[in-house]
C-alpha atoms as a PDB file:
ATOM      1  CA  MET A   1      98.985 108.688 112.089  1.00  0.00           C
ATOM      2  CA  PRO A   2      97.751 105.316 113.191  1.00  0.00           C
ATOM      3  CA  THR A   3     101.558 103.904 114.391  1.00  0.00           C
ATOM      4  CA  ALA A   4     100.070 100.277 115.566  1.00  0.00           C
ATOM      5  CA  THR A   5      98.729  99.361 111.459  1.00  0.00           C
ATOM      6  CA  ILE A   6     101.886 100.698 109.800  1.00  0.00           C
ATOM      7  CA  GLU A   7     104.587  98.157 112.043  1.00  0.00           C
ATOM      8  CA  GLN A   8     102.236  96.015 110.595  1.00  0.00           C
ATOM      9  CA  ALA A   9     102.990  96.742 107.552  1.00  0.00           C
ATOM     10  CA  SER A  10     105.575  96.444 107.828  1.00  0.00           C
ATOM     11  CA  PRO A  11     106.939  93.823 106.265  1.00  0.00           C
ATOM     12  CA  TRP A  12     105.533  94.878 102.437  1.00  0.00           C
ATOM     13  CA  LEU A  13     107.581  97.885 103.423  1.00  0.00           C
ATOM     14  CA  ARG A  14     110.796  96.508 101.955  1.00  0.00           C
ATOM     15  CA  GLY A  15     112.959  98.952 104.639  1.00  0.00           C
ATOM     16  CA  ARG A  16     111.618 102.265 103.722  1.00  0.00           C
ATOM     17  CA  THR A  17     109.417 104.257 105.812  1.00  0.00           C
ATOM     18  CA  PHE A  18     106.042 105.172 105.543  1.00  0.00           C
ATOM     19  CA  ALA A  19     107.168 108.781 105.314  1.00  0.00           C
ATOM     20  CA  SER A  20     109.068 107.496 101.924  1.00  0.00           C
ATOM     21  CA  TRP A  21     105.760 105.914 101.264  1.00  0.00           C
ATOM     22  CA  ARG A  22     103.513 108.599 101.689  1.00  0.00           C
ATOM     23  CA  GLU A  23     104.762 111.165  99.544  1.00  0.00           C
ATOM     24  CA  GLU A  24     105.898 109.092  96.604  1.00  0.00           C
ATOM     25  CA  PHE A  25     102.024 108.362  96.649  1.00  0.00           C
ATOM     26  CA  ASP A  26     101.149 111.595  97.193  1.00  0.00           C
ATOM     27  CA  ARG A  27     103.873 112.247  93.756  1.00  0.00           C
ATOM     28  CA  ARG A  28     102.125 109.623  91.544  1.00  0.00           C
ATOM     29  CA  GLY A  29      99.021 108.963  93.419  1.00  0.00           C
ATOM     30  CA  TYR A  30      99.381 105.407  92.895  1.00  0.00           C
ATOM     31  CA  LEU A  31     101.812 102.770  94.664  1.00  0.00           C
ATOM     32  CA  ILE A  32     102.393  98.606  93.772  1.00  0.00           C
ATOM     33  CA  PHE A  33     103.609  96.280  96.145  1.00  0.00           C
ATOM     34  CA  GLU A  34     104.666  92.973  93.982  1.00  0.00           C
ATOM     35  CA  ARG A  35     103.514  89.122  95.663  1.00  0.00           C
ATOM     36  CA  VAL A  36     101.742  90.293  99.414  1.00  0.00           C
ATOM     37  CA  LEU A  37      99.567  87.417  99.334  1.00  0.00           C
ATOM     38  CA  PRO A  38     101.655  84.159  99.846  1.00  0.00           C
ATOM     39  CA  ALA A  39     100.775  81.827  97.159  1.00  0.00           C
ATOM     40  CA  ASN A  40      98.222  79.177  99.774  1.00  0.00           C
ATOM     41  CA  ARG A  41      95.934  82.324  99.561  1.00  0.00           C
ATOM     42  CA  VAL A  42      95.756  83.025  96.637  1.00  0.00           C
ATOM     43  CA  THR A  43      94.527  79.497  96.177  1.00  0.00           C
ATOM     44  CA  ALA A  44      91.283  80.375  98.581  1.00  0.00           C
ATOM     45  CA  ILE A  45      90.089  83.690  97.566  1.00  0.00           C
ATOM     46  CA  ARG A  46      90.256  81.271  94.013  1.00  0.00           C
ATOM     47  CA  ALA A  47      87.755  79.007  95.542  1.00  0.00           C
ATOM     48  CA  ALA A  48      85.639  81.098  97.223  1.00  0.00           C
ATOM     49  CA  LEU A  49      85.202  83.276  94.452  1.00  0.00           C
ATOM     50  CA  ALA A  50      84.694  79.976  92.207  1.00  0.00           C
ATOM     51  CA  PRO A  51      81.300  79.536  93.280  1.00  0.00           C
ATOM     52  CA  TYR A  52      79.811  83.336  91.403  1.00  0.00           C
ATOM     53  CA  LEU A  53      81.848  83.137  89.156  1.00  0.00           C
ATOM     54  CA  GLU A  54      80.499  80.209  87.578  1.00  0.00           C
ATOM     55  CA  ARG A  55      77.194  81.849  87.251  1.00  0.00           C
ATOM     56  CA  ASP A  56      78.674  83.999  85.176  1.00  0.00           C
ATOM     57  CA  LEU A  57      76.707  87.180  85.453  1.00  0.00           C
ATOM     58  CA  THR A  58      78.348  89.747  83.229  1.00  0.00           C
ATOM     59  CA  GLY A  59      77.578  93.585  83.768  1.00  0.00           C
ATOM     60  CA  ARG A  60      74.308  95.380  83.670  1.00  0.00           C
ATOM     61  CA  ASN A  61      75.906  98.419  81.586  1.00  0.00           C
ATOM     62  CA  ASP A  62      79.585  99.987  79.758  1.00  0.00           C
ATOM     63  CA  PHE A  63      80.609 100.810  82.783  1.00  0.00           C
ATOM     64  CA  GLU A  64      80.182  97.513  85.468  1.00  0.00           C
ATOM     65  CA  GLY A  65      80.986  95.838  81.627  1.00  0.00           C
ATOM     66  CA  LEU A  66      79.497  93.551  79.852  1.00  0.00           C
ATOM     67  CA  LYS A  67      81.865  90.671  79.723  1.00  0.00           C
ATOM     68  CA  THR A  68      82.562  91.373  82.899  1.00  0.00           C
ATOM     69  CA  ASN A  69      82.467  89.277  86.033  1.00  0.00           C
ATOM     70  CA  ARG A  70      81.355  91.013  89.560  1.00  0.00           C
ATOM     71  CA  VAL A  71      80.715  89.769  92.624  1.00  0.00           C
ATOM     72  CA  TYR A  72      79.219  92.309  95.404  1.00  0.00           C
ATOM     73  CA  ALA A  73      78.799  92.279  98.795  1.00  0.00           C
ATOM     74  CA  LEU A  74      82.366  90.219  99.259  1.00  0.00           C
ATOM     75  CA  LEU A  75      82.219  90.671 103.230  1.00  0.00           C
ATOM     76  CA  ALA A  76      78.481  88.783 103.328  1.00  0.00           C
ATOM     77  CA  LYS A  77      80.246  85.264 101.019  1.00  0.00           C
ATOM     78  CA  SER A  78      83.390  84.157 102.807  1.00  0.00           C
ATOM     79  CA  PRO A  79      85.877  85.790 106.082  1.00  0.00           C
ATOM     80  CA  LEU A  80      88.843  85.390 104.024  1.00  0.00           C
ATOM     81  CA  PHE A  81      87.489  88.962 102.555  1.00  0.00           C
ATOM     82  CA  ALA A  82      87.695  90.375 105.614  1.00  0.00           C
ATOM     83  CA  ASP A  83      91.542  89.596 105.560  1.00  0.00           C
ATOM     84  CA  LEU A  84      92.027  91.451 102.523  1.00  0.00           C
ATOM     85  CA  ALA A  85      89.882  94.329 103.590  1.00  0.00           C
ATOM     86  CA  ILE A  86      91.629  94.729 106.878  1.00  0.00           C
ATOM     87  CA  HIS A  87      95.035  93.765 105.320  1.00  0.00           C
ATOM     88  CA  PRO A  88      97.921  96.217 107.030  1.00  0.00           C
ATOM     89  CA  LEU A  89      99.655  97.544 104.407  1.00  0.00           C
ATOM     90  CA  ALA A  90      96.664  98.655 102.268  1.00  0.00           C
ATOM     91  CA  LEU A  91      94.922  99.932 106.147  1.00  0.00           C
ATOM     92  CA  SER A  92      97.798 101.390 106.801  1.00  0.00           C
ATOM     93  CA  PHE A  93      97.333 104.346 103.976  1.00  0.00           C
ATOM     94  CA  ALA A  94      94.345 104.244 104.197  1.00  0.00           C
ATOM     95  CA  GLU A  95      93.946 105.302 107.655  1.00  0.00           C
ATOM     96  CA  ALA A  96      96.974 107.565 107.702  1.00  0.00           C
ATOM     97  CA  GLU A  97      94.802 109.410 104.486  1.00  0.00           C
ATOM     98  CA  LEU A  98      91.233 109.321 105.404  1.00  0.00           C
ATOM     99  CA  GLY A  99      91.547 108.787 109.315  1.00  0.00           C
ATOM    100  CA  GLU A 100      91.001 105.989 111.766  1.00  0.00           C
ATOM    101  CA  SER A 101      87.646 106.903 111.277  1.00  0.00           C
ATOM    102  CA  CYS A 102      87.543 105.506 108.259  1.00  0.00           C
ATOM    103  CA  LEU A 103      85.257 102.989 106.325  1.00  0.00           C
ATOM    104  CA  LEU A 104      84.863 100.046 103.956  1.00  0.00           C
ATOM    105  CA  SER A 105      83.401 101.306 100.625  1.00  0.00           C
ATOM    106  CA  ALA A 106      82.483  98.883  98.947  1.00  0.00           C
ATOM    107  CA  LEU A 107      83.890  94.833  98.288  1.00  0.00           C
ATOM    108  CA  LEU A 108      84.418  93.303  94.903  1.00  0.00           C
ATOM    109  CA  ALA A 109      86.395  91.139  92.799  1.00  0.00           C
ATOM    110  CA  ILE A 110      86.263  92.158  88.708  1.00  0.00           C
ATOM    111  CA  ASN A 111      86.675  89.342  86.597  1.00  0.00           C
ATOM    112  CA  LEU A 112      87.271  90.909  82.979  1.00  0.00           C
ATOM    113  CA  GLN A 113      86.705  88.224  80.104  1.00  0.00           C
ATOM    114  CA  PRO A 114      88.220  88.276  76.900  1.00  0.00           C
ATOM    115  CA  GLY A 115      87.003  90.697  74.839  1.00  0.00           C
ATOM    116  CA  GLU A 116      86.008  92.768  77.357  1.00  0.00           C
ATOM    117  CA  THR A 117      86.478  97.084  75.890  1.00  0.00           C
ATOM    118  CA  VAL A 118      87.346  99.620  78.364  1.00  0.00           C
ATOM    119  CA  GLN A 119      85.960 101.126  81.403  1.00  0.00           C
ATOM    120  CA  PRO A 120      85.362 105.109  80.390  1.00  0.00           C
ATOM    121  CA  TRP A 121      88.149 106.800  82.971  1.00  0.00           C
ATOM    122  CA  HIS A 122      86.811 107.788  86.494  1.00  0.00           C
ATOM    123  CA  TYR A 123      88.053 108.163  89.954  1.00  0.00           C
ATOM    124  CA  ASP A 124      86.441 105.794  92.646  1.00  0.00           C
ATOM    125  CA  ASP A 125      85.281 109.358  94.984  1.00  0.00           C
ATOM    126  CA  GLY A 126      83.168 111.225  92.421  1.00  0.00           C
ATOM    127  CA  GLY A 127      80.437 110.611  93.710  1.00  0.00           C
ATOM    128  CA  ILE A 128      81.132 112.805  96.483  1.00  0.00           C
ATOM    129  CA  LYS A 129      80.702 116.367  94.650  1.00  0.00           C
ATOM    130  CA  MET A 130      83.353 118.715  96.491  1.00  0.00           C
ATOM    131  CA  PRO A 131      85.360 120.715  93.509  1.00  0.00           C
ATOM    132  CA  ARG A 132      89.343 119.921  92.350  1.00  0.00           C
ATOM    133  CA  PRO A 133      91.323 119.551  93.782  1.00  0.00           C
ATOM    134  CA  ARG A 134      91.045 118.852  96.611  1.00  0.00           C
ATOM    135  CA  PRO A 135      91.877 115.525  99.011  1.00  0.00           C
ATOM    136  CA  ALA A 136      91.579 112.520  98.520  1.00  0.00           C
ATOM    137  CA  LEU A 137      87.687 111.442 100.175  1.00  0.00           C
ATOM    138  CA  GLY A 138      89.139 107.427  99.124  1.00  0.00           C
ATOM    139  CA  ILE A 139      91.675 105.002  98.809  1.00  0.00           C
ATOM    140  CA  SER A 140      91.155 101.579  96.053  1.00  0.00           C
ATOM    141  CA  ALA A 141      92.864  98.407  97.017  1.00  0.00           C
ATOM    142  CA  PHE A 142      93.209  96.487  93.427  1.00  0.00           C
ATOM    143  CA  TRP A 143      93.961  92.879  94.952  1.00  0.00           C
ATOM    144  CA  ALA A 144      95.679  90.939  91.965  1.00  0.00           C
ATOM    145  CA  ILE A 145      94.312  87.077  91.335  1.00  0.00           C
ATOM    146  CA  ASP A 146      95.698  86.009  88.633  1.00  0.00           C
ATOM    147  CA  ASP A 147      98.429  88.545  86.830  1.00  0.00           C
ATOM    148  CA  THR A 148      97.232  91.467  85.424  1.00  0.00           C
ATOM    149  CA  THR A 149      99.463  92.101  82.506  1.00  0.00           C
ATOM    150  CA  GLU A 150      99.961  94.177  79.030  1.00  0.00           C
ATOM    151  CA  LEU A 151      96.687  92.418  76.754  1.00  0.00           C
ATOM    152  CA  ASN A 152      94.579  91.037  80.134  1.00  0.00           C
ATOM    153  CA  GLY A 153      92.661  94.054  81.285  1.00  0.00           C
ATOM    154  CA  SER A 154      95.425  95.772  83.745  1.00  0.00           C
ATOM    155  CA  THR A 155      94.123  99.186  85.019  1.00  0.00           C
ATOM    156  CA  GLU A 156      95.029 102.277  83.068  1.00  0.00           C
ATOM    157  CA  VAL A 157      95.856 105.113  85.639  1.00  0.00           C
ATOM    158  CA  ILE A 158      96.968 108.668  84.549  1.00  0.00           C
ATOM    159  CA  PRO A 159     100.203 109.148  86.829  1.00  0.00           C
ATOM    160  CA  GLY A 160      99.736 113.232  89.248  1.00  0.00           C
ATOM    161  CA  SER A 161      95.518 113.304  88.073  1.00  0.00           C
ATOM    162  CA  HIS A 162      95.008 112.742  91.326  1.00  0.00           C
ATOM    163  CA  LEU A 163      96.039 116.517  92.202  1.00  0.00           C
ATOM    164  CA  TRP A 164      94.535 117.854  88.768  1.00  0.00           C
ATOM    165  CA  ASP A 165      91.563 121.124  88.689  1.00  0.00           C
ATOM    166  CA  GLU A 166      89.651 119.591  85.322  1.00  0.00           C
ATOM    167  CA  GLN A 167      86.027 118.212  86.877  1.00  0.00           C
ATOM    168  CA  THR A 168      86.031 115.604  83.781  1.00  0.00           C
ATOM    169  CA  ILE A 169      87.985 114.816  80.720  1.00  0.00           C
ATOM    170  CA  GLU A 170      87.532 113.112  76.931  1.00  0.00           C
ATOM    171  CA  GLY A 171      86.764 109.470  77.501  1.00  0.00           C
ATOM    172  CA  ALA A 172      84.958 110.283  81.310  1.00  0.00           C
ATOM    173  CA  ALA A 173      82.467 108.449  82.647  1.00  0.00           C
ATOM    174  CA  LYS A 174      79.094 110.292  81.491  1.00  0.00           C
ATOM    175  CA  LEU A 175      75.235 108.534  82.772  1.00  0.00           C
ATOM    176  CA  ALA A 176      74.729 107.009  80.077  1.00  0.00           C
ATOM    177  CA  ASP A 177      77.661 104.777  80.845  1.00  0.00           C
ATOM    178  CA  PHE A 178      75.868 103.043  83.388  1.00  0.00           C
ATOM    179  CA  THR A 179      72.696 102.445  81.607  1.00  0.00           C
ATOM    180  CA  ASN A 180      74.571 101.737  78.103  1.00  0.00           C
ATOM    181  CA  LYS A 181      73.603  98.190  77.190  1.00  0.00           C
ATOM    182  CA  ALA A 182      75.862  98.329  74.273  1.00  0.00           C
ATOM    183  CA  PRO A 183      79.694  98.008  74.169  1.00  0.00           C
ATOM    184  CA  SER A 184      81.846 101.193  74.557  1.00  0.00           C
ATOM    185  CA  PRO A 185      82.188 103.870  71.406  1.00  0.00           C
ATOM    186  CA  ALA A 186      85.004 102.090  69.087  1.00  0.00           C
ATOM    187  CA  GLY A 187      86.590 105.170  70.259  1.00  0.00           C
ATOM    188  CA  ARG A 188      87.312 105.429  73.797  1.00  0.00           C
ATOM    189  CA  GLU A 189      88.261 101.906  73.008  1.00  0.00           C
ATOM    190  CA  THR A 190      91.350 103.312  70.939  1.00  0.00           C
ATOM    191  CA  GLY A 191      92.379 106.483  72.445  1.00  0.00           C
ATOM    192  CA  ASN A 192      95.043 105.108  74.671  1.00  0.00           C
ATOM    193  CA  ARG A 193      96.231 108.689  76.149  1.00  0.00           C
ATOM    194  CA  PRO A 194     100.024 108.970  76.635  1.00  0.00           C
ATOM    195  CA  ASP A 195     100.574 109.534  80.123  1.00  0.00           C
ATOM    196  CA  ALA A 196      98.909 106.424  81.035  1.00  0.00           C
ATOM    197  CA  ALA A 197     100.195 103.342  82.888  1.00  0.00           C
ATOM    198  CA  LYS A 198      99.109 100.033  82.861  1.00  0.00           C
ATOM    199  CA  LEU A 199      98.625  98.539  87.224  1.00  0.00           C
ATOM    200  CA  MET A 200     100.598  95.683  85.302  1.00  0.00           C
ATOM    201  CA  MET A 201     101.365  92.612  88.674  1.00  0.00           C
ATOM    202  CA  ARG A 202     101.451  89.586  89.089  1.00  0.00           C
ATOM    203  CA  SER A 203      99.500  87.760  90.701  1.00  0.00           C
ATOM    204  CA  GLY A 204      98.796  88.088  95.201  1.00  0.00           C
ATOM    205  CA  SER A 205     100.471  91.991  94.190  1.00  0.00           C
ATOM    206  CA  LEU A 206      98.435  94.760  95.535  1.00  0.00           C
ATOM    207  CA  ALA A 207      98.190  98.431  94.261  1.00  0.00           C
ATOM    208  CA  ILE A 208      96.234 101.455  95.745  1.00  0.00           C
ATOM    209  CA  ALA A 209      95.361 104.719  95.073  1.00  0.00           C
ATOM    210  CA  LYS A 210      93.656 108.165  95.472  1.00  0.00           C
ATOM    211  CA  GLY A 211      90.230 108.101  95.240  1.00  0.00           C
ATOM    212  CA  THR A 212      90.728 111.166  93.120  1.00  0.00           C
ATOM    213  CA  LEU A 213      93.245 109.898  90.690  1.00  0.00           C
ATOM    214  CA  TRP A 214      91.574 109.233  87.232  1.00  0.00           C
ATOM    215  CA  HIS A 215      91.887 105.694  85.891  1.00  0.00           C
ATOM    216  CA  ARG A 216      89.619 102.397  83.980  1.00  0.00           C
ATOM    217  CA  GLY A 217      90.233  98.993  83.430  1.00  0.00           C
ATOM    218  CA  GLY A 218      91.899  98.057  79.973  1.00  0.00           C
ATOM    219  CA  ALA A 219      90.525  96.117  77.382  1.00  0.00           C
ATOM    220  CA  ASN A 220      91.164  92.532  77.425  1.00  0.00           C
ATOM    221  CA  LEU A 221      92.892  91.424  74.534  1.00  0.00           C
ATOM    222  CA  SER A 222      94.062  88.006  75.657  1.00  0.00           C
ATOM    223  CA  ASP A 223      92.202  84.893  75.788  1.00  0.00           C
ATOM    224  CA  SER A 224      92.404  85.058  79.502  1.00  0.00           C
ATOM    225  CA  PRO A 225      89.552  86.340  82.123  1.00  0.00           C
ATOM    226  CA  ARG A 226      91.660  88.175  84.426  1.00  0.00           C
ATOM    227  CA  LEU A 227      90.618  88.081  87.978  1.00  0.00           C
ATOM    228  CA  ILE A 228      91.416  90.984  91.298  1.00  0.00           C
ATOM    229  CA  VAL A 229      89.705  92.368  94.200  1.00  0.00           C
ATOM    230  CA  THR A 230      88.931  95.762  95.299  1.00  0.00           C
ATOM    231  CA  PRO A 231      88.320  97.021  98.876  1.00  0.00           C
ATOM    232  CA  GLN A 232      87.197 101.150  98.033  1.00  0.00           C
ATOM    233  CA  TYR A 233      88.299 103.158 101.651  1.00  0.00           C
ATOM    234  CA  CYS A 234      85.959 106.579 101.588  1.00  0.00           C
ATOM    235  CA  VAL A 235      86.105 108.723 105.651  1.00  0.00           C
ATOM    236  CA  GLY A 236      84.119 107.799 108.121  1.00  0.00           C
ATOM    237  CA  TRP A 237      81.451 111.214 107.342  1.00  0.00           C
ATOM    238  CA  ALA A 238      80.819 109.441 103.764  1.00  0.00           C
ATOM    239  CA  ARG A 239      77.909 107.971 102.622  1.00  0.00           C
ATOM    240  CA  GLN A 240      79.392 103.830 101.204  1.00  0.00           C
ATOM    241  CA  LEU A 241      78.366 102.842  97.867  1.00  0.00           C
ATOM    242  CA  GLU A 242      77.964  99.478  98.716  1.00  0.00           C
ATOM    243  CA  ASN A 243      75.280  99.817 101.706  1.00  0.00           C
ATOM    244  CA  MET A 244      76.984  97.653 104.165  1.00  0.00           C
ATOM    245  CA  SER A 245      74.012  97.542 106.843  1.00  0.00           C
ATOM    246  CA  LEU A 246      72.308  95.362 104.586  1.00  0.00           C
ATOM    247  CA  ALA A 247      75.312  93.847 102.171  1.00  0.00           C
ATOM    248  CA  VAL A 248      76.517  92.624 105.895  1.00  0.00           C
ATOM    249  CA  PRO A 249      73.964  90.604 107.928  1.00  0.00           C
ATOM    250  CA  ALA A 250      74.167  91.164 111.668  1.00  0.00           C
ATOM    251  CA  GLU A 251      74.501  87.802 112.179  1.00  0.00           C
ATOM    252  CA  VAL A 252      77.580  87.841 109.895  1.00  0.00           C
ATOM    253  CA  ALA A 253      78.845  90.693 110.636  1.00  0.00           C
ATOM    254  CA  GLU A 254      79.084  89.822 114.780  1.00  0.00           C
ATOM    255  CA  THR A 255      81.660  86.768 113.493  1.00  0.00           C
ATOM    256  CA  LEU A 256      83.803  89.348 111.965  1.00  0.00           C
ATOM    257  CA  PRO A 257      87.094  90.392 112.765  1.00  0.00           C
ATOM    258  CA  GLU A 258      86.601  93.719 115.206  1.00  0.00           C
ATOM    259  CA  ARG A 259      88.413  96.124 112.659  1.00  0.00           C
ATOM    260  CA  ALA A 260      86.101  94.639 110.217  1.00  0.00           C
ATOM    261  CA  ARG A 261      83.180  95.419 111.827  1.00  0.00           C
ATOM    262  CA  GLU A 262      84.534  99.358 112.379  1.00  0.00           C
ATOM    263  CA  LEU A 263      84.641  99.452 108.905  1.00  0.00           C
ATOM    264  CA  ILE A 264      81.928  98.918 107.943  1.00  0.00           C
ATOM    265  CA  GLY A 265      79.670 101.020 110.380  1.00  0.00           C
ATOM    266  CA  TYR A 266      80.009  99.264 113.689  1.00  0.00           C
ATOM    267  CA  SER A 267      81.835 102.897 115.148  1.00  0.00           C
ATOM    268  CA  ILE A 268      81.132 106.163 115.382  1.00  0.00           C
ATOM    269  CA  HIS A 269      82.902 109.420 113.412  1.00  0.00           C
ATOM    270  CA  PRO A 270      84.213 111.595 116.245  1.00  0.00           C
ATOM    271  CA  PRO A 271      82.286 113.674 118.015  1.00  0.00           C
ATOM    272  CA  PHE A 272      78.900 110.806 117.304  1.00  0.00           C
ATOM    273  CA  MET A 273      78.033 110.190 113.148  1.00  0.00           C
ATOM    274  CA  GLY A 274      76.563 106.721 112.994  1.00  0.00           C
ATOM    275  CA  TYR A 275      75.219 106.108 116.215  1.00  0.00           C
ATOM    276  CA  VAL A 276      71.544 103.976 116.683  1.00  0.00           C
ATOM    277  CA  ASP A 277      69.591 105.319 118.772  1.00  0.00           C
ATOM    278  CA  GLY A 278      71.866 107.499 120.826  1.00  0.00           C
ATOM    279  CA  VAL A 279      73.939 104.547 121.331  1.00  0.00           C
ATOM    280  CA  HIS A 280      77.711 103.009 119.988  1.00  0.00           C
ATOM    281  CA  PRO A 281      76.070 100.429 116.684  1.00  0.00           C
ATOM    282  CA  LYS A 282      78.380  97.349 118.053  1.00  0.00           C
ATOM    283  CA  ARG A 283      75.850  97.380 121.273  1.00  0.00           C
ATOM    284  CA  LEU A 284      73.312  96.221 119.149  1.00  0.00           C
ATOM    285  CA  LEU A 285      74.870  93.061 117.449  1.00  0.00           C
ATOM    286  CA  ARG A 286      74.293  89.924 119.919  1.00  0.00           C
ATOM    287  CA  GLY A 287      77.292  89.345 121.799  1.00  0.00           C
ATOM    288  CA  GLN A 288      77.711  92.811 122.950  1.00  0.00           C
ATOM    289  CA  ALA A 289      73.800  92.190 124.036  1.00  0.00           C
ATOM    290  CA  ARG A 290      74.511  89.005 126.091  1.00  0.00           C
ATOM    291  CA  GLY A 291      77.501  90.787 127.489  1.00  0.00           C
ATOM    292  CA  ARG A 292      75.607  94.049 129.208  1.00  0.00           C
ATOM    293  CA  ALA A 293      72.852  91.195 130.168  1.00  0.00           C
ATOM    294  CA  ARG A 294      75.597  89.599 132.496  1.00  0.00           C
ATOM    295  CA  GLU A 295      76.936  92.678 134.029  1.00  0.00           C
ATOM    296  CA  GLY A 296      73.223  93.721 134.497  1.00  0.00           C
ATOM    297  CA  GLY A 297      73.134  96.183 131.151  1.00  0.00           C
ATOM    298  CA  ARG A 298      75.156  98.476 132.507  1.00  0.00           C
ATOM    299  CA  GLY A 299      77.372 100.971 129.858  1.00  0.00           C
END
């Protein structure tokens, strides 16, 4: 159990034990923590994203969202996003669920524009082709930069569905959804499930979800965009969704906090998964190499 990270997360546990939150997480498959980030941090994140959102690049297919802006490779864009990836509240649950050798699988911003339709239902660790039911092999965090509301496309989840054995459900993502250039069919837009819940949060709040939880991005029926940032974590032996070694250049990686570097792959999953030419990958960073040179190349 990652005791140090849990202790750092304690200010946001609202007087409850971490164990009680985990019991709820195991039962529901998701949790919401209100107003975790202060307003000035949210403002700074919004400013860091502004130049990329102003380009107004929208999704390439129905799954990404034809009226959605997605900004990838955030660790290469601002150190603010490293702070989100290693925030102790999200990271404590990721480490407890996935082990302390867990990796950051993806880190992106998702900005739903007015008129965006619902996503297909999916679960985030579905790329790991293992039969359900099974333990979650990923954890997704959803940081609300804008308020997420009933109308503006808040993420929809199916509570308890992380325990289901179904490999697919009605309205689930299909291969065609990743190539379709047309909006989602009307039948899926209006086919809401009675057992679904919307993750409605105030700006600065955090939701976390198990990688096996069925969910989808909602339809934005409002006249304003809905912006979130989502770090997604995976077990240390799984392939990451985003190729972090290319998304985050080495010269940027060496400026990141040590825990953020470990999360993108400058780490080892025991006993030795992730080595480079027989040595720990952090030894390839220039700062580490200079340190070894001063020490006469030992280690």
